Amino acid sequence: MEKEWTRMYLAEFLRKMEQGTLSVEKGQDMPKSFQNLSFKKAKEEVGLTMSDIVWLGNQLESAHYTEPALKNWVKREIKEYIGGPQVGRKYSIQQAALLFIVKDLKVLLDFEAIRKVLGSVFNNPVKREDDIISPLKFYQGYARLYEQLMQKTDLLTESNIKREIEQFLDNDEGFPLEGKEKIFDAMMVATLAVRTNFLKAWAQRYVMRENGKE
């Protein structure tokens, strides 16, 4: 499978896994663990191994995930936000979404700043209901927001990003009124981080070509 997934596609994939509505076609090039999800009951919580999360992340455009890095984040850098495995020895969909968010932010921010962003909208990892917004909803939100922005313009100025986020939050009833200012700020950071990921990958292609590797 080529690396062609958008963040919006990944967010929808995660949502379907969480709801028990994911359908994997026979012969589709996916790890066996995902193919088995088709046989799970809708109310049965889905758990992902770290290698599952890495595989999913590596289907994204301009992304490179490694298991040692994610394990380090879970055990040290963002331990207070991710928590331990919540589905037996596996990680929940919401925990996976958090790791995808951190990976996006990492290209732009250090871990001290990332923890500030996470702490502004997410709380106790064991009790997701006390979050201002769920990690998956947040990830899905800025993924969709970024795609909408790029359909309108390639030039992401601060003013047009702000305007788009304001309209996005006003039009989507899934975002709570309480804490909207915090969500706005976190969305701004996440959108800029996604764009930075694409610019970094774009520059890297020219570096590789300059060195005769492409």
Protein backbone atom coordinates (compact mmCIF):
# COMPACT_ATOMS: atom_id res chain seq x y z
CA MET A 1 0.00 0.00 0.00
CA GLU A 2 1.39 3.39 -0.95
CA LYS A 3 1.60 6.17 1.59
CA GLU A 4 -1.47 8.05 0.53
CA TRP A 5 -3.70 8.34 3.58
CA THR A 6 -4.71 11.82 4.66
CA ARG A 7 -5.21 12.62 8.33
CA MET A 8 -8.92 12.86 7.62
CA TYR A 9 -8.91 9.31 6.25
CA LEU A 10 -7.00 8.06 9.30
CA ALA A 11 -9.40 9.84 11.66
CA GLU A 12 -12.37 8.21 9.93
CA PHE A 13 -10.60 4.82 10.06
CA LEU A 14 -10.16 5.24 13.83
CA ARG A 15 -13.77 6.34 14.29
CA LYS A 16 -15.05 3.26 12.47
CA MET A 17 -12.80 1.03 14.56
CA GLU A 18 -14.13 2.60 17.75
CA GLN A 19 -17.75 2.21 16.64
CA GLY A 20 -17.24 -1.36 15.42
CA THR A 21 -18.22 -0.47 11.85
CA LEU A 22 -14.85 -0.95 10.16
CA SER A 23 -15.04 -3.24 7.16
CA VAL A 24 -11.80 -4.67 5.79
CA GLU A 25 -12.06 -6.20 2.35
CA LYS A 26 -10.50 -9.58 1.62
CA GLY A 27 -7.06 -9.27 0.17
CA GLN A 28 -6.65 -5.68 1.40
CA ASP A 29 -3.01 -5.05 2.27
CA MET A 30 -3.32 -4.62 6.03
CA PRO A 31 -1.89 -6.37 9.09
CA LYS A 32 -3.90 -9.38 10.20
CA SER A 33 -4.83 -7.62 13.45
CA PHE A 34 -6.88 -5.07 11.47
CA GLN A 35 -8.51 -7.72 9.30
CA ASN A 36 -9.73 -9.46 12.45
CA LEU A 37 -11.50 -6.29 13.57
CA SER A 38 -14.28 -7.04 11.08
CA PHE A 39 -15.37 -9.90 13.34
CA LYS A 40 -15.50 -7.90 16.57
CA LYS A 41 -18.83 -7.06 18.17
CA ALA A 42 -19.85 -3.41 17.94
CA LYS A 43 -19.78 -2.94 21.74
CA GLU A 44 -16.40 -4.63 22.18
CA GLU A 45 -13.67 -2.06 22.78
CA VAL A 46 -10.88 -2.18 20.22
CA GLY A 47 -7.30 -2.33 21.43
CA LEU A 48 -4.20 -1.52 19.38
CA THR A 49 -0.64 -2.67 19.93
CA MET A 50 2.15 -0.15 19.54
CA SER A 51 3.12 -1.81 16.25
CA ASP A 52 -0.49 -1.35 15.04
CA ILE A 53 -0.29 2.37 15.85
CA VAL A 54 3.07 2.68 14.08
CA TRP A 55 1.69 0.92 11.00
CA LEU A 56 -1.30 3.28 10.87
CA GLY A 57 0.87 6.37 11.29
CA ASN A 58 3.18 5.26 8.50
CA GLN A 59 0.30 5.17 6.02
CA LEU A 60 0.09 8.97 6.28
CA GLU A 61 1.52 11.38 3.76
CA SER A 62 4.77 12.99 4.97
CA ALA A 63 5.02 10.93 8.16
CA HIS A 64 7.57 8.54 9.64
CA TYR A 65 6.73 6.65 12.84
CA THR A 66 9.01 4.35 14.83
CA GLU A 67 8.04 2.09 17.72
CA PRO A 68 10.99 3.08 20.00
CA ALA A 69 10.08 6.78 19.74
CA LEU A 70 6.41 6.21 20.59
CA LYS A 71 7.28 3.90 23.49
CA ASN A 72 9.59 6.59 24.86
CA TRP A 73 6.82 9.17 24.68
CA VAL A 74 4.38 6.85 26.46
CA LYS A 75 6.82 5.94 29.24
CA ARG A 76 8.36 9.39 29.73
CA GLU A 77 7.49 12.48 27.72
CA ILE A 78 3.67 12.34 27.74
CA LYS A 79 3.09 9.66 30.35
CA GLU A 80 0.63 11.82 32.30
CA TYR A 81 -1.61 12.27 29.24
CA ILE A 82 -1.47 8.84 27.59
CA GLY A 83 -1.48 6.56 30.63
CA GLY A 84 -0.88 2.80 30.49
CA PRO A 85 -2.59 0.38 28.07
CA GLN A 86 -6.36 0.59 28.66
CA VAL A 87 -7.64 -2.40 26.66
CA GLY A 88 -5.89 -5.33 28.29
CA ARG A 89 -2.29 -4.92 27.18
CA LYS A 90 -3.28 -2.77 24.23
CA TYR A 91 -3.97 0.93 23.74
CA SER A 92 -7.42 2.42 23.17
CA ILE A 93 -8.44 4.33 20.04
CA GLN A 94 -8.37 7.56 22.04
CA GLN A 95 -4.81 6.84 23.20
CA ALA A 96 -3.77 6.17 19.61
CA ALA A 97 -5.32 9.48 18.52
CA LEU A 98 -3.29 11.26 21.21
CA LEU A 99 -0.09 9.74 19.87
CA PHE A 100 -0.95 10.92 16.34
CA ILE A 101 -1.59 14.42 17.72
CA VAL A 102 1.77 14.44 19.54
CA LYS A 103 3.56 13.26 16.40
CA ASP A 104 2.10 16.17 14.45
CA LEU A 105 3.00 18.70 17.14
CA LYS A 106 6.54 17.35 17.55
CA VAL A 107 7.71 18.81 14.24
CA LEU A 108 6.94 22.30 15.55
CA LEU A 109 7.20 22.18 19.36
CA ASP A 110 9.37 20.71 22.12
CA PHE A 111 7.77 18.42 24.69
CA GLU A 112 7.37 21.16 27.27
CA ALA A 113 5.21 23.13 24.83
CA ILE A 114 3.40 19.98 23.66
CA ARG A 115 2.40 19.19 27.25
CA LYS A 116 0.95 22.69 27.56
CA VAL A 117 -1.17 22.16 24.44
CA LEU A 118 -2.34 18.74 25.61
CA GLY A 119 -3.04 19.99 29.12
CA SER A 120 -5.23 22.80 27.81
CA VAL A 121 -7.80 20.39 26.34
CA PHE A 122 -7.11 16.91 27.76
CA ASN A 123 -7.04 15.82 31.40
CA ASN A 124 -6.89 12.48 33.22
CA PRO A 125 -6.19 9.75 30.62
CA VAL A 126 -8.14 7.20 32.68
CA LYS A 127 -11.29 9.39 32.67
CA ARG A 128 -11.69 10.77 29.15
CA GLU A 129 -15.08 12.26 30.06
CA ASP A 130 -13.36 15.12 31.92
CA ASP A 131 -11.59 16.28 28.73
CA ILE A 132 -12.89 19.43 27.06
CA ILE A 133 -12.91 17.38 23.87
CA SER A 134 -11.91 13.79 23.13
CA PRO A 135 -8.51 13.22 21.46
CA LEU A 136 -10.14 11.57 18.43
CA LYS A 137 -12.65 14.41 18.00
CA PHE A 138 -9.80 16.93 18.20
CA TYR A 139 -7.67 15.00 15.69
CA GLN A 140 -10.61 14.58 13.33
CA GLY A 141 -11.41 18.27 13.71
CA TYR A 142 -8.04 19.71 12.72
CA ALA A 143 -7.61 17.08 10.01
CA ARG A 144 -10.85 18.21 8.39
CA LEU A 145 -10.04 21.87 9.01
CA TYR A 146 -6.66 21.54 7.27
CA GLU A 147 -8.20 19.88 4.21
CA GLN A 148 -10.80 22.62 3.95
CA LEU A 149 -8.13 25.30 4.20
CA MET A 150 -5.99 23.72 1.50
CA GLN A 151 -8.96 23.48 -0.86
CA LYS A 152 -9.36 27.24 -0.60
CA THR A 153 -5.77 28.44 -0.66
CA ASP A 154 -2.17 27.22 -0.62
CA LEU A 155 -1.14 30.31 1.36
CA LEU A 156 -2.02 29.80 5.01
CA THR A 157 -1.81 33.25 6.56
CA GLU A 158 -2.61 33.76 10.23
CA SER A 159 -5.76 35.73 9.42
CA ASN A 160 -7.29 33.14 7.07
CA ILE A 161 -6.48 30.27 9.46
CA LYS A 162 -8.10 32.16 12.35
CA ARG A 163 -11.17 32.94 10.27
CA GLU A 164 -11.51 29.34 9.13
CA ILE A 165 -11.16 27.93 12.65
CA GLU A 166 -13.78 30.34 13.99
CA GLN A 167 -16.24 29.34 11.26
CA PHE A 168 -15.38 25.67 11.72
CA LEU A 169 -16.06 25.71 15.47
CA ASP A 170 -19.25 27.74 15.03
CA ASN A 171 -20.65 25.39 12.39
CA ASP A 172 -19.75 22.08 14.04
CA GLU A 173 -22.06 21.28 16.95
CA GLY A 174 -19.70 18.53 18.14
CA PHE A 175 -17.41 21.07 19.82
CA PRO A 176 -18.50 22.27 23.28
CA LEU A 177 -19.10 25.96 23.92
CA GLU A 178 -17.27 25.67 27.22
CA GLY A 179 -13.55 25.74 26.61
CA LYS A 180 -13.92 26.87 22.98
CA GLU A 181 -11.13 29.42 23.35
CA LYS A 182 -8.73 26.68 24.46
CA ILE A 183 -9.84 24.46 21.56
CA PHE A 184 -9.32 27.40 19.18
CA ASP A 185 -5.72 27.92 20.34
CA ALA A 186 -4.94 24.19 20.20
CA MET A 187 -6.47 23.95 16.70
CA MET A 188 -4.29 26.83 15.52
CA VAL A 189 -1.14 25.09 16.78
CA ALA A 190 -2.16 21.72 15.30
CA THR A 191 -2.98 23.24 11.89
CA LEU A 192 0.40 24.97 11.72
CA ALA A 193 2.09 21.73 12.78
CA VAL A 194 0.42 19.74 9.98
CA ARG A 195 1.52 22.33 7.43
CA THR A 196 5.06 22.22 8.84
CA ASN A 197 5.08 18.44 8.41
CA PHE A 198 4.25 18.82 4.71
CA LEU A 199 6.84 21.57 4.19
CA LYS A 200 9.52 19.51 5.94
CA ALA A 201 8.78 16.46 3.77
CA TRP A 202 8.73 18.68 0.66
CA ALA A 203 12.16 20.14 1.48
CA GLN A 204 13.52 16.67 2.28
CA ARG A 205 12.63 15.42 -1.21
CA TYR A 206 14.85 18.12 -2.73
CA VAL A 207 17.68 17.31 -0.30
CA MET A 208 17.50 13.64 -1.32
CA ARG A 209 17.47 14.58 -5.00
CA GLU A 210 20.44 16.90 -4.51
CA ASN A 211 22.35 13.95 -2.99
CA GLY A 212 21.44 11.73 -5.92
CA LYS A 213 19.16 9.45 -3.89
CA GLU A 214 16.02 10.12 -5.88
